[in-house]
Full PDB file with SEQRES, HELIX, SHEET, SSBOND, CRYST1, ORIGX, SCALE, CONECT and MASTER records, all heavy atoms in Angstrom:
SEQRES   1 A   40  ALA GLN ARG SER GLY GLN GLN VAL LYS ASP ALA LYS LYS          
SEQRES   2 A   40  ALA LEU TYR ASP ASP PRO LYS TRP ARG LYS GLU ASN TYR          
SEQRES   3 A   40  ILE ILE ASN ARG ASP SER ALA TYR ALA ASN PRO TYR TYR          
SEQRES   4 A   40  ALA                                                          
HELIX    1 AA1 GLN A    2  TYR A   16  1                                  15    
HELIX    2 AA2 PRO A   19  GLU A   24  1                                   6    
HELIX    3 AA3 ARG A   30  ALA A   35  1                                   6    
CRYST1    1.000    1.000    1.000  90.00  90.00  90.00 P 1           1          
ORIGX1      1.000000  0.000000  0.000000        0.00000                         
ORIGX2      0.000000  1.000000  0.000000        0.00000                         
ORIGX3      0.000000  0.000000  1.000000        0.00000                         
SCALE1      1.000000  0.000000  0.000000        0.00000                         
SCALE2      0.000000  1.000000  0.000000        0.00000                         
SCALE3      0.000000  0.000000  1.000000        0.00000                         
ATOM      1  N   ALA A   1       0.833  -1.209   0.000  1.00  0.00           N  
ATOM      2  CA  ALA A   1       0.000   0.000   0.000  1.00  0.00           C  
ATOM      3  C   ALA A   1       0.861   1.249   0.000  1.00  0.00           C  
ATOM      4  O   ALA A   1       0.563   2.239  -0.675  1.00  0.00           O  
ATOM      5  CB  ALA A   1      -0.930  -0.015   1.213  1.00  0.00           C  
ATOM      6  N   GLN A   2       1.969   1.181   0.781  1.00  0.00           N  
ATOM      7  CA  GLN A   2       2.867   2.335   0.839  1.00  0.00           C  
ATOM      8  C   GLN A   2       3.502   2.591  -0.519  1.00  0.00           C  
ATOM      9  O   GLN A   2       3.584   3.729  -0.981  1.00  0.00           O  
ATOM     10  CB  GLN A   2       3.942   2.087   1.900  1.00  0.00           C  
ATOM     11  CG  GLN A   2       4.825   3.312   2.153  1.00  0.00           C  
ATOM     12  CD  GLN A   2       5.788   3.065   3.296  1.00  0.00           C  
ATOM     13  OE1 GLN A   2       6.112   1.929   3.617  1.00  0.00           O  
ATOM     14  NE2 GLN A   2       6.242   4.127   3.930  1.00  0.00           N  
ATOM     15  N   ARG A   3       3.979   1.477  -1.147  1.00  0.00           N  
ATOM     16  CA  ARG A   3       4.575   1.633  -2.478  1.00  0.00           C  
ATOM     17  C   ARG A   3       3.555   2.138  -3.484  1.00  0.00           C  
ATOM     18  O   ARG A   3       3.849   3.005  -4.305  1.00  0.00           O  
ATOM     19  CB  ARG A   3       5.151   0.290  -2.940  1.00  0.00           C  
ATOM     20  CG  ARG A   3       6.395  -0.163  -2.191  1.00  0.00           C  
ATOM     21  CD  ARG A   3       7.143  -1.241  -2.969  1.00  0.00           C  
ATOM     22  NE  ARG A   3       6.293  -2.364  -3.318  1.00  0.00           N  
ATOM     23  CZ  ARG A   3       6.091  -3.414  -2.542  1.00  0.00           C  
ATOM     24  NH1 ARG A   3       6.675  -3.470  -1.351  1.00  0.00           N  
ATOM     25  NH2 ARG A   3       5.323  -4.414  -2.939  1.00  0.00           N  
ATOM     26  N   SER A   4       2.327   1.587  -3.401  1.00  0.00           N  
ATOM     27  CA  SER A   4       1.271   2.008  -4.324  1.00  0.00           C  
ATOM     28  C   SER A   4       0.929   3.473  -4.117  1.00  0.00           C  
ATOM     29  O   SER A   4       0.742   4.228  -5.080  1.00  0.00           O  
ATOM     30  CB  SER A   4       0.025   1.148  -4.132  1.00  0.00           C  
ATOM     31  OG  SER A   4       0.292  -0.198  -4.434  1.00  0.00           O  
ATOM     32  N   GLY A   5       0.857   3.887  -2.825  1.00  0.00           N  
ATOM     33  CA  GLY A   5       0.555   5.283  -2.526  1.00  0.00           C  
ATOM     34  C   GLY A   5       1.615   6.210  -3.060  1.00  0.00           C  
ATOM     35  O   GLY A   5       1.314   7.274  -3.614  1.00  0.00           O  
ATOM     36  N   GLN A   6       2.885   5.808  -2.911  1.00  0.00           N  
ATOM     37  CA  GLN A   6       3.973   6.625  -3.416  1.00  0.00           C  
ATOM     38  C   GLN A   6       3.951   6.680  -4.934  1.00  0.00           C  
ATOM     39  O   GLN A   6       4.225   7.730  -5.535  1.00  0.00           O  
ATOM     40  CB  GLN A   6       5.305   6.060  -2.937  1.00  0.00           C  
ATOM     41  CG  GLN A   6       6.498   6.944  -3.276  1.00  0.00           C  
ATOM     42  CD  GLN A   6       6.373   8.325  -2.670  1.00  0.00           C  
ATOM     43  OE1 GLN A   6       6.099   8.477  -1.486  1.00  0.00           O  
ATOM     44  NE2 GLN A   6       6.566   9.351  -3.493  1.00  0.00           N  
ATOM     45  N   GLN A   7       3.605   5.566  -5.559  1.00  0.00           N  
ATOM     46  CA  GLN A   7       3.509   5.533  -7.012  1.00  0.00           C  
ATOM     47  C   GLN A   7       2.423   6.477  -7.518  1.00  0.00           C  
ATOM     48  O   GLN A   7       2.598   7.160  -8.534  1.00  0.00           O  
ATOM     49  CB  GLN A   7       3.233   4.105  -7.481  1.00  0.00           C  
ATOM     50  CG  GLN A   7       4.426   3.177  -7.349  1.00  0.00           C  
ATOM     51  CD  GLN A   7       4.090   1.724  -7.632  1.00  0.00           C  
ATOM     52  OE1 GLN A   7       2.918   1.374  -7.772  1.00  0.00           O  
ATOM     53  NE2 GLN A   7       5.096   0.870  -7.706  1.00  0.00           N  
ATOM     54  N   VAL A   8       1.300   6.500  -6.783  1.00  0.00           N  
ATOM     55  CA  VAL A   8       0.210   7.412  -7.153  1.00  0.00           C  
ATOM     56  C   VAL A   8       0.678   8.858  -7.032  1.00  0.00           C  
ATOM     57  O   VAL A   8       0.420   9.693  -7.913  1.00  0.00           O  
ATOM     58  CB  VAL A   8      -1.029   7.169  -6.263  1.00  0.00           C  
ATOM     59  CG1 VAL A   8      -2.055   8.278  -6.469  1.00  0.00           C  
ATOM     60  CG2 VAL A   8      -1.649   5.818  -6.584  1.00  0.00           C  
ATOM     61  N   LYS A   9       1.394   9.175  -5.933  1.00  0.00           N  
ATOM     62  CA  LYS A   9       1.905  10.532  -5.735  1.00  0.00           C  
ATOM     63  C   LYS A   9       2.886  10.913  -6.841  1.00  0.00           C  
ATOM     64  O   LYS A   9       2.849  12.030  -7.362  1.00  0.00           O  
ATOM     65  CB  LYS A   9       2.582  10.637  -4.372  1.00  0.00           C  
ATOM     66  CG  LYS A   9       1.632  10.574  -3.185  1.00  0.00           C  
ATOM     67  CD  LYS A   9       2.397  10.642  -1.873  1.00  0.00           C  
ATOM     68  CE  LYS A   9       1.453  10.492  -0.695  1.00  0.00           C  
ATOM     69  NZ  LYS A   9       2.191  10.496   0.596  1.00  0.00           N  
ATOM     70  N   ASP A  10       3.771   9.976  -7.175  1.00  0.00           N  
ATOM     71  CA  ASP A  10       4.754  10.250  -8.225  1.00  0.00           C  
ATOM     72  C   ASP A  10       4.074  10.471  -9.574  1.00  0.00           C  
ATOM     73  O   ASP A  10       4.459  11.374 -10.337  1.00  0.00           O  
ATOM     74  CB  ASP A  10       5.744   9.087  -8.329  1.00  0.00           C  
ATOM     75  CG  ASP A  10       6.647   8.974  -7.106  1.00  0.00           C  
ATOM     76  OD1 ASP A  10       6.721   9.951  -6.345  1.00  0.00           O  
ATOM     77  OD2 ASP A  10       7.248   7.906  -6.915  1.00  0.00           O  
ATOM     78  N   ALA A  11       3.054   9.654  -9.854  1.00  0.00           N  
ATOM     79  CA  ALA A  11       2.333   9.790 -11.126  1.00  0.00           C  
ATOM     80  C   ALA A  11       1.586  11.118 -11.178  1.00  0.00           C  
ATOM     81  O   ALA A  11       1.572  11.792 -12.222  1.00  0.00           O  
ATOM     82  CB  ALA A  11       1.354   8.627 -11.294  1.00  0.00           C  
ATOM     83  N   LYS A  12       0.984  11.504 -10.060  1.00  0.00           N  
ATOM     84  CA  LYS A  12       0.246  12.767 -10.023  1.00  0.00           C  
ATOM     85  C   LYS A  12       1.193  13.946 -10.205  1.00  0.00           C  
ATOM     86  O   LYS A  12       0.891  14.901 -10.926  1.00  0.00           O  
ATOM     87  CB  LYS A  12      -0.502  12.890  -8.696  1.00  0.00           C  
ATOM     88  CG  LYS A  12      -1.339  14.155  -8.577  1.00  0.00           C  
ATOM     89  CD  LYS A  12      -2.075  14.226  -7.249  1.00  0.00           C  
ATOM     90  CE  LYS A  12      -3.219  13.250  -7.202  1.00  0.00           C  
ATOM     91  NZ  LYS A  12      -4.051  13.460  -5.984  1.00  0.00           N  
ATOM     92  N   LYS A  13       2.358  13.896  -9.553  1.00  0.00           N  
ATOM     93  CA  LYS A  13       3.332  14.981  -9.695  1.00  0.00           C  
ATOM     94  C   LYS A  13       3.802  15.092 -11.144  1.00  0.00           C  
ATOM     95  O   LYS A  13       3.923  16.199 -11.681  1.00  0.00           O  
ATOM     96  CB  LYS A  13       4.520  14.750  -8.768  1.00  0.00           C  
ATOM     97  CG  LYS A  13       5.530  15.903  -8.788  1.00  0.00           C  
ATOM     98  CD  LYS A  13       6.675  15.660  -7.831  1.00  0.00           C  
ATOM     99  CE  LYS A  13       7.585  16.888  -7.773  1.00  0.00           C  
ATOM    100  NZ  LYS A  13       8.073  17.320  -9.074  1.00  0.00           N  
ATOM    101  N   ALA A  14       4.067  13.941 -11.751  1.00  0.00           N  
ATOM    102  CA  ALA A  14       4.511  13.956 -13.146  1.00  0.00           C  
ATOM    103  C   ALA A  14       3.448  14.558 -14.053  1.00  0.00           C  
ATOM    104  O   ALA A  14       3.749  15.321 -14.980  1.00  0.00           O  
ATOM    105  CB  ALA A  14       4.842  12.528 -13.597  1.00  0.00           C  
ATOM    106  N   LEU A  15       2.187  14.250 -13.755  1.00  0.00           N  
ATOM    107  CA  LEU A  15       1.087  14.790 -14.546  1.00  0.00           C  
ATOM    108  C   LEU A  15       0.995  16.299 -14.364  1.00  0.00           C  
ATOM    109  O   LEU A  15       0.875  17.047 -15.343  1.00  0.00           O  
ATOM    110  CB  LEU A  15      -0.227  14.123 -14.127  1.00  0.00           C  
ATOM    111  CG  LEU A  15      -1.479  14.523 -14.920  1.00  0.00           C  
ATOM    112  CD1 LEU A  15      -1.363  14.064 -16.363  1.00  0.00           C  
ATOM    113  CD2 LEU A  15      -2.727  13.921 -14.279  1.00  0.00           C  
ATOM    114  N   TYR A  16       1.055  16.757 -13.122  1.00  0.00           N  
ATOM    115  CA  TYR A  16       0.947  18.188 -12.834  1.00  0.00           C  
ATOM    116  C   TYR A  16       2.097  18.979 -13.440  1.00  0.00           C  
ATOM    117  O   TYR A  16       1.946  20.168 -13.735  1.00  0.00           O  
ATOM    118  CB  TYR A  16       0.900  18.414 -11.320  1.00  0.00           C  
ATOM    119  CG  TYR A  16      -0.488  18.361 -10.729  1.00  0.00           C  
ATOM    120  CD1 TYR A  16      -1.296  17.245 -10.909  1.00  0.00           C  
ATOM    121  CD2 TYR A  16      -1.002  19.425  -9.991  1.00  0.00           C  
ATOM    122  CE1 TYR A  16      -2.563  17.180 -10.377  1.00  0.00           C  
ATOM    123  CE2 TYR A  16      -2.276  19.367  -9.452  1.00  0.00           C  
ATOM    124  CZ  TYR A  16      -3.051  18.241  -9.646  1.00  0.00           C  
ATOM    125  OH  TYR A  16      -4.326  18.184  -9.122  1.00  0.00           O  
ATOM    126  N   ASP A  17       3.240  18.329 -13.603  1.00  0.00           N  
ATOM    127  CA  ASP A  17       4.407  19.018 -14.157  1.00  0.00           C  
ATOM    128  C   ASP A  17       4.435  18.993 -15.681  1.00  0.00           C  
ATOM    129  O   ASP A  17       5.284  19.649 -16.288  1.00  0.00           O  
ATOM    130  CB  ASP A  17       5.702  18.377 -13.627  1.00  0.00           C  
ATOM    131  CG  ASP A  17       5.918  18.656 -12.140  1.00  0.00           C  
ATOM    132  OD1 ASP A  17       5.285  19.594 -11.628  1.00  0.00           O  
ATOM    133  OD2 ASP A  17       6.705  17.923 -11.509  1.00  0.00           O  
ATOM    134  N   ASP A  18       3.534  18.269 -16.288  1.00  0.00           N  
ATOM    135  CA  ASP A  18       3.519  18.136 -17.742  1.00  0.00           C  
ATOM    136  C   ASP A  18       2.930  19.395 -18.385  1.00  0.00           C  
ATOM    137  O   ASP A  18       1.775  19.737 -18.138  1.00  0.00           O  
ATOM    138  CB  ASP A  18       2.691  16.917 -18.150  1.00  0.00           C  
ATOM    139  CG  ASP A  18       2.624  16.758 -19.658  1.00  0.00           C  
ATOM    140  OD1 ASP A  18       3.685  16.555 -20.275  1.00  0.00           O  
ATOM    141  OD2 ASP A  18       1.520  16.873 -20.223  1.00  0.00           O  
ATOM    142  N   PRO A  19       3.689  20.116 -19.204  1.00  0.00           N  
ATOM    143  CA  PRO A  19       3.208  21.376 -19.800  1.00  0.00           C  
ATOM    144  C   PRO A  19       1.933  21.215 -20.618  1.00  0.00           C  
ATOM    145  O   PRO A  19       1.053  22.070 -20.572  1.00  0.00           O  
ATOM    146  CB  PRO A  19       4.381  21.816 -20.678  1.00  0.00           C  
ATOM    147  CG  PRO A  19       5.572  21.145 -20.082  1.00  0.00           C  
ATOM    148  CD  PRO A  19       5.085  19.831 -19.571  1.00  0.00           C  
ATOM    149  N   LYS A  20       1.856  20.125 -21.367  1.00  0.00           N  
ATOM    150  CA  LYS A  20       0.668  19.900 -22.203  1.00  0.00           C  
ATOM    151  C   LYS A  20      -0.582  19.732 -21.334  1.00  0.00           C  
ATOM    152  O   LYS A  20      -1.628  20.323 -21.608  1.00  0.00           O  
ATOM    153  CB  LYS A  20       0.871  18.674 -23.089  1.00  0.00           C  
ATOM    154  CG  LYS A  20      -0.278  18.394 -24.063  1.00  0.00           C  
ATOM    155  CD  LYS A  20       0.108  17.244 -24.991  1.00  0.00           C  
ATOM    156  CE  LYS A  20      -0.985  16.983 -26.045  1.00  0.00           C  
ATOM    157  NZ  LYS A  20      -2.215  16.452 -25.448  1.00  0.00           N  
ATOM    158  N   TRP A  21      -0.458  18.920 -20.282  1.00  0.00           N  
ATOM    159  CA  TRP A  21      -1.591  18.703 -19.382  1.00  0.00           C  
ATOM    160  C   TRP A  21      -1.987  20.006 -18.695  1.00  0.00           C  
ATOM    161  O   TRP A  21      -3.182  20.306 -18.552  1.00  0.00           O  
ATOM    162  CB  TRP A  21      -1.235  17.642 -18.340  1.00  0.00           C  
ATOM    163  CG  TRP A  21      -2.372  17.311 -17.423  1.00  0.00           C  
ATOM    164  CD1 TRP A  21      -3.344  16.375 -17.611  1.00  0.00           C  
ATOM    165  CD2 TRP A  21      -2.656  17.936 -16.166  1.00  0.00           C  
ATOM    166  NE1 TRP A  21      -4.232  16.380 -16.557  1.00  0.00           N  
ATOM    167  CE2 TRP A  21      -3.836  17.324 -15.652  1.00  0.00           C  
ATOM    168  CE3 TRP A  21      -2.051  18.943 -15.424  1.00  0.00           C  
ATOM    169  CZ2 TRP A  21      -4.395  17.686 -14.421  1.00  0.00           C  
ATOM    170  CZ3 TRP A  21      -2.610  19.309 -14.208  1.00  0.00           C  
ATOM    171  CH2 TRP A  21      -3.763  18.695 -13.719  1.00  0.00           C  
ATOM    172  N   ARG A  22      -1.025  20.799 -18.274  1.00  0.00           N  
ATOM    173  CA  ARG A  22      -1.303  22.061 -17.581  1.00  0.00           C  
ATOM    174  C   ARG A  22      -2.066  23.022 -18.495  1.00  0.00           C  
ATOM    175  O   ARG A  22      -2.984  23.707 -18.067  1.00  0.00           O  
ATOM    176  CB  ARG A  22       0.002  22.700 -17.087  1.00  0.00           C  
ATOM    177  CG  ARG A  22       0.695  21.905 -15.986  1.00  0.00           C  
ATOM    178  CD  ARG A  22       1.988  22.583 -15.541  1.00  0.00           C  
ATOM    179  NE  ARG A  22       1.715  23.825 -14.827  1.00  0.00           N  
ATOM    180  CZ  ARG A  22       1.428  23.893 -13.533  1.00  0.00           C  
ATOM    181  NH1 ARG A  22       1.365  22.796 -12.800  1.00  0.00           N  
ATOM    182  NH2 ARG A  22       1.216  25.058 -12.957  1.00  0.00           N  
ATOM    183  N   LYS A  23      -1.668  23.048 -19.758  1.00  0.00           N  
ATOM    184  CA  LYS A  23      -2.329  23.927 -20.716  1.00  0.00           C  
ATOM    185  C   LYS A  23      -3.764  23.458 -20.973  1.00  0.00           C  
ATOM    186  O   LYS A  23      -4.702  24.262 -20.990  1.00  0.00           O  
ATOM    187  CB  LYS A  23      -1.547  23.932 -22.029  1.00  0.00           C  
ATOM    188  CG  LYS A  23      -2.008  24.985 -23.022  1.00  0.00           C  
ATOM    189  CD  LYS A  23      -1.228  26.264 -22.843  1.00  0.00           C  
ATOM    190  CE  LYS A  23      -1.535  27.240 -23.959  1.00  0.00           C  
ATOM    191  NZ  LYS A  23      -0.829  28.524 -23.785  1.00  0.00           N  
ATOM    192  N   GLU A  24      -3.927  22.155 -21.141  1.00  0.00           N  
ATOM    193  CA  GLU A  24      -5.250  21.609 -21.449  1.00  0.00           C  
ATOM    194  C   GLU A  24      -6.217  21.747 -20.281  1.00  0.00           C  
ATOM    195  O   GLU A  24      -7.432  21.762 -20.474  1.00  0.00           O  
ATOM    196  CB  GLU A  24      -5.123  20.128 -21.832  1.00  0.00           C  
ATOM    197  CG  GLU A  24      -4.446  19.898 -23.177  1.00  0.00           C  
ATOM    198  CD  GLU A  24      -4.208  18.424 -23.450  1.00  0.00           C  
ATOM    199  OE1 GLU A  24      -4.310  17.618 -22.482  1.00  0.00           O  
ATOM    200  OE2 GLU A  24      -3.911  18.082 -24.611  1.00  0.00           O  
ATOM    201  N   ASN A  25      -5.688  21.846 -19.060  1.00  0.00           N  
ATOM    202  CA  ASN A  25      -6.533  21.913 -17.875  1.00  0.00           C  
ATOM    203  C   ASN A  25      -6.500  23.277 -17.191  1.00  0.00           C  
ATOM    204  O   ASN A  25      -6.894  23.398 -16.036  1.00  0.00           O  
ATOM    205  CB  ASN A  25      -6.137  20.813 -16.891  1.00  0.00           C  
ATOM    206  CG  ASN A  25      -6.531  19.440 -17.378  1.00  0.00           C  
ATOM    207  OD1 ASN A  25      -7.655  18.996 -17.207  1.00  0.00           O  
ATOM    208  ND2 ASN A  25      -5.595  18.748 -18.027  1.00  0.00           N  
ATOM    209  N   TYR A  26      -6.022  24.276 -17.931  1.00  0.00           N  
ATOM    210  CA  TYR A  26      -6.098  25.677 -17.479  1.00  0.00           C  
ATOM    211  C   TYR A  26      -5.411  25.894 -16.121  1.00  0.00           C  
ATOM    212  O   TYR A  26      -5.949  26.589 -15.243  1.00  0.00           O  
ATOM    213  CB  TYR A  26      -7.549  26.140 -17.370  1.00  0.00           C  
ATOM    214  CG  TYR A  26      -8.464  25.665 -18.457  1.00  0.00           C  
ATOM    215  CD1 TYR A  26      -9.673  25.034 -18.168  1.00  0.00           C  
ATOM    216  CD2 TYR A  26      -8.154  25.839 -19.805  1.00  0.00           C  
ATOM    217  CE1 TYR A  26     -10.539  24.603 -19.161  1.00  0.00           C  
ATOM    218  CE2 TYR A  26      -9.009  25.409 -20.812  1.00  0.00           C  
ATOM    219  CZ  TYR A  26     -10.190  24.784 -20.471  1.00  0.00           C  
ATOM    220  OH  TYR A  26     -11.044  24.351 -21.466  1.00  0.00           O  
ATOM    221  N   ILE A  27      -4.235  25.331 -15.939  1.00  0.00           N  
ATOM    222  CA  ILE A  27      -3.575  25.414 -14.653  1.00  0.00           C  
ATOM    223  C   ILE A  27      -2.827  26.735 -14.504  1.00  0.00           C  
ATOM    224  O   ILE A  27      -2.117  27.166 -15.408  1.00  0.00           O  
ATOM    225  CB  ILE A  27      -2.589  24.240 -14.467  1.00  0.00           C  
ATOM    226  CG1 ILE A  27      -3.317  22.906 -14.640  1.00  0.00           C  
ATOM    227  CG2 ILE A  27      -1.904  24.321 -13.101  1.00  0.00           C  
ATOM    228  CD1 ILE A  27      -4.450  22.669 -13.659  1.00  0.00           C  
ATOM    229  N   ILE A  28      -3.005  27.372 -13.359  1.00  0.00           N  
ATOM    230  CA  ILE A  28      -2.270  28.575 -12.990  1.00  0.00           C  
ATOM    231  C   ILE A  28      -1.460  28.242 -11.740  1.00  0.00           C  
ATOM    232  O   ILE A  28      -2.002  27.738 -10.756  1.00  0.00           O  
ATOM    233  CB  ILE A  28      -3.220  29.755 -12.684  1.00  0.00           C  
ATOM    234  CG1 ILE A  28      -4.089  30.101 -13.902  1.00  0.00           C  
ATOM    235  CG2 ILE A  28      -2.436  30.979 -12.209  1.00  0.00           C  
ATOM    236  CD1 ILE A  28      -3.362  30.757 -15.028  1.00  0.00           C  
ATOM    237  N   ASN A  29      -0.169  28.535 -11.772  1.00  0.00           N  
ATOM    238  CA  ASN A  29       0.700  28.238 -10.637  1.00  0.00           C  
ATOM    239  C   ASN A  29       0.190  28.914  -9.371  1.00  0.00           C  
ATOM    240  O   ASN A  29      -0.101  30.106  -9.366  1.00  0.00           O  
ATOM    241  CB  ASN A  29       2.119  28.705 -10.950  1.00  0.00           C  
ATOM    242  CG  ASN A  29       3.080  28.415  -9.825  1.00  0.00           C  
ATOM    243  OD1 ASN A  29       3.240  29.216  -8.917  1.00  0.00           O  
ATOM    244  ND2 ASN A  29       3.722  27.260  -9.886  1.00  0.00           N  
ATOM    245  N   ARG A  30       0.097  28.137  -8.298  1.00  0.00           N  
ATOM    246  CA  ARG A  30      -0.484  28.654  -7.066  1.00  0.00           C  
ATOM    247  C   ARG A  30       0.389  29.741  -6.425  1.00  0.00           C  
ATOM    248  O   ARG A  30      -0.111  30.754  -5.921  1.00  0.00           O  
ATOM    249  CB  ARG A  30      -0.712  27.521  -6.063  1.00  0.00           C  
ATOM    250  CG  ARG A  30      -1.558  27.982  -4.893  1.00  0.00           C  
ATOM    251  CD  ARG A  30      -1.573  27.006  -3.737  1.00  0.00           C  
ATOM    252  NE  ARG A  30      -2.367  27.576  -2.671  1.00  0.00           N  
ATOM    253  CZ  ARG A  30      -1.955  28.539  -1.868  1.00  0.00           C  
ATOM    254  NH1 ARG A  30      -0.741  29.038  -2.005  1.00  0.00           N  
ATOM    255  NH2 ARG A  30      -2.752  29.014  -0.928  1.00  0.00           N  
ATOM    256  N   ASP A  31       1.700  29.541  -6.410  1.00  0.00           N  
ATOM    257  CA  ASP A  31       2.597  30.543  -5.819  1.00  0.00           C  
ATOM    258  C   ASP A  31       2.508  31.864  -6.582  1.00  0.00           C  
ATOM    259  O   ASP A  31       2.559  32.945  -5.981  1.00  0.00           O  
ATOM    260  CB  ASP A  31       4.043  30.035  -5.818  1.00  0.00           C  
ATOM    261  CG  ASP A  31       4.239  28.882  -4.835  1.00  0.00           C  
ATOM    262  OD1 ASP A  31       3.393  28.723  -3.932  1.00  0.00           O  
ATOM    263  OD2 ASP A  31       5.230  28.140  -4.981  1.00  0.00           O  
ATOM    264  N   SER A  32       2.376  31.771  -7.891  1.00  0.00           N  
ATOM    265  CA  SER A  32       2.225  32.989  -8.701  1.00  0.00           C  
ATOM    266  C   SER A  32       0.917  33.688  -8.369  1.00  0.00           C  
ATOM    267  O   SER A  32       0.860  34.922  -8.291  1.00  0.00           O  
ATOM    268  CB  SER A  32       2.257  32.631 -10.190  1.00  0.00           C  
ATOM    269  OG  SER A  32       3.487  32.056 -10.550  1.00  0.00           O  
ATOM    270  N   ALA A  33      -0.144  32.910  -8.151  1.00  0.00           N  
ATOM    271  CA  ALA A  33      -1.449  33.481  -7.815  1.00  0.00           C  
ATOM    272  C   ALA A  33      -1.415  34.170  -6.461  1.00  0.00           C  
ATOM    273  O   ALA A  33      -2.065  35.200  -6.257  1.00  0.00           O  
ATOM    274  CB  ALA A  33      -2.512  32.381  -7.820  1.00  0.00           C  
ATOM    275  N   TYR A  34      -0.656  33.610  -5.529  1.00  0.00           N  
ATOM    276  CA  TYR A  34      -0.543  34.237  -4.204  1.00  0.00           C  
ATOM    277  C   TYR A  34       0.241  35.545  -4.279  1.00  0.00           C  
ATOM    278  O   TYR A  34      -0.065  36.512  -3.586  1.00  0.00           O  
ATOM    279  CB  TYR A  34       0.138  33.274  -3.222  1.00  0.00           C  
ATOM    280  CG  TYR A  34       0.363  33.876  -1.860  1.00  0.00           C  
ATOM    281  CD1 TYR A  34      -0.701  34.074  -0.981  1.00  0.00           C  
ATOM    282  CD2 TYR A  34       1.642  34.264  -1.449  1.00  0.00           C  
ATOM    283  CE1 TYR A  34      -0.492  34.648   0.271  1.00  0.00           C  
ATOM    284  CE2 TYR A  34       1.850  34.831  -0.211  1.00  0.00           C  
ATOM    285  CZ  TYR A  34       0.774  35.019   0.655  1.00  0.00           C  
ATOM    286  OH  TYR A  34       0.969  35.590   1.890  1.00  0.00           O  
ATOM    287  N   ALA A  35       1.238  35.579  -5.151  1.00  0.00           N  
ATOM    288  CA  ALA A  35       2.107  36.758  -5.245  1.00  0.00           C  
ATOM    289  C   ALA A  35       1.503  37.888  -6.061  1.00  0.00           C  
ATOM    290  O   ALA A  35       1.878  39.053  -5.895  1.00  0.00           O  
ATOM    291  CB  ALA A  35       3.453  36.356  -5.854  1.00  0.00           C  
ATOM    292  N   ASN A  36       0.554  37.575  -6.961  1.00  0.00           N  
ATOM    293  CA  ASN A  36       0.034  38.571  -7.906  1.00  0.00           C  
ATOM    294  C   ASN A  36      -1.488  38.446  -7.984  1.00  0.00           C  
ATOM    295  O   ASN A  36      -2.004  37.412  -8.404  1.00  0.00           O  
ATOM    296  CB  ASN A  36       0.659  38.324  -9.285  1.00  0.00           C  
ATOM    297  CG  ASN A  36       0.243  39.341 -10.323  1.00  0.00           C  
ATOM    298  OD1 ASN A  36      -0.877  39.837 -10.323  1.00  0.00           O  
ATOM    299  ND2 ASN A  36       1.136  39.645 -11.250  1.00  0.00           N  
ATOM    300  N   PRO A  37      -2.237  39.500  -7.612  1.00  0.00           N  
ATOM    301  CA  PRO A  37      -3.706  39.401  -7.605  1.00  0.00           C  
ATOM    302  C   PRO A  37      -4.313  39.194  -8.992  1.00  0.00           C  
ATOM    303  O   PRO A  37      -5.397  38.614  -9.118  1.00  0.00           O  
ATOM    304  CB  PRO A  37      -4.156  40.732  -7.002  1.00  0.00           C  
ATOM    305  CG  PRO A  37      -3.020  41.678  -7.248  1.00  0.00           C  
ATOM    306  CD  PRO A  37      -1.786  40.830  -7.161  1.00  0.00           C  
ATOM    307  N   TYR A  38      -3.626  39.650 -10.034  1.00  0.00           N  
ATOM    308  CA  TYR A  38      -4.140  39.453 -11.388  1.00  0.00           C  
ATOM    309  C   TYR A  38      -3.980  37.996 -11.820  1.00  0.00           C  
ATOM    310  O   TYR A  38      -4.822  37.470 -12.550  1.00  0.00           O  
ATOM    311  CB  TYR A  38      -3.441  40.406 -12.362  1.00  0.00           C  
ATOM    312  CG  TYR A  38      -3.828  41.844 -12.114  1.00  0.00           C  
ATOM    313  CD1 TYR A  38      -3.078  42.644 -11.252  1.00  0.00           C  
ATOM    314  CD2 TYR A  38      -4.963  42.398 -12.707  1.00  0.00           C  
ATOM    315  CE1 TYR A  38      -3.449  43.967 -10.992  1.00  0.00           C  
ATOM    316  CE2 TYR A  38      -5.338  43.705 -12.452  1.00  0.00           C  
ATOM    317  CZ  TYR A  38      -4.585  44.477 -11.593  1.00  0.00           C  
ATOM    318  OH  TYR A  38      -4.969  45.769 -11.328  1.00  0.00           O  
ATOM    319  N   TYR A  39      -2.920  37.347 -11.363  1.00  0.00           N  
ATOM    320  CA  TYR A  39      -2.767  35.910 -11.599  1.00  0.00           C  
ATOM    321  C   TYR A  39      -3.782  35.133 -10.763  1.00  0.00           C  
ATOM    322  O   TYR A  39      -4.296  34.098 -11.205  1.00  0.00           O  
ATOM    323  CB  TYR A  39      -1.355  35.458 -11.266  1.00  0.00           C  
ATOM    324  CG  TYR A  39      -0.275  36.048 -12.142  1.00  0.00           C  
ATOM    325  CD1 TYR A  39       1.069  35.956 -11.774  1.00  0.00           C  
ATOM    326  CD2 TYR A  39      -0.577  36.702 -13.330  1.00  0.00           C  
ATOM    327  CE1 TYR A  39       2.071  36.486 -12.570  1.00  0.00           C  
ATOM    328  CE2 TYR A  39       0.418  37.245 -14.132  1.00  0.00           C  
ATOM    329  CZ  TYR A  39       1.747  37.137 -13.746  1.00  0.00           C  
ATOM    330  OH  TYR A  39       2.735  37.667 -14.540  1.00  0.00           O  
ATOM    331  N   ALA A  40      -4.045  35.626  -9.546  1.00  0.00           N  
ATOM    332  CA  ALA A  40      -5.046  34.982  -8.691  1.00  0.00           C  
ATOM    333  C   ALA A  40      -6.415  35.017  -9.354  1.00  0.00           C  
ATOM    334  O   ALA A  40      -7.180  34.038  -9.313  1.00  0.00           O  
ATOM    335  CB  ALA A  40      -5.093  35.683  -7.334  1.00  0.00           C  
TER     336      ALA A  40                                                      
MASTER        0    0    0    3    0    0    0    6  335    1    0    4          
END                                                                             
């Protein structure tokens, strides 16, 4: 279960870091949104 959980986390991180996926899902970086109200 621990290995499976870590694998899920690793897969999710890889997905979130993928530029194509981020573009297709309208992702805005959270740190940028906190720093800039227009990005928020």
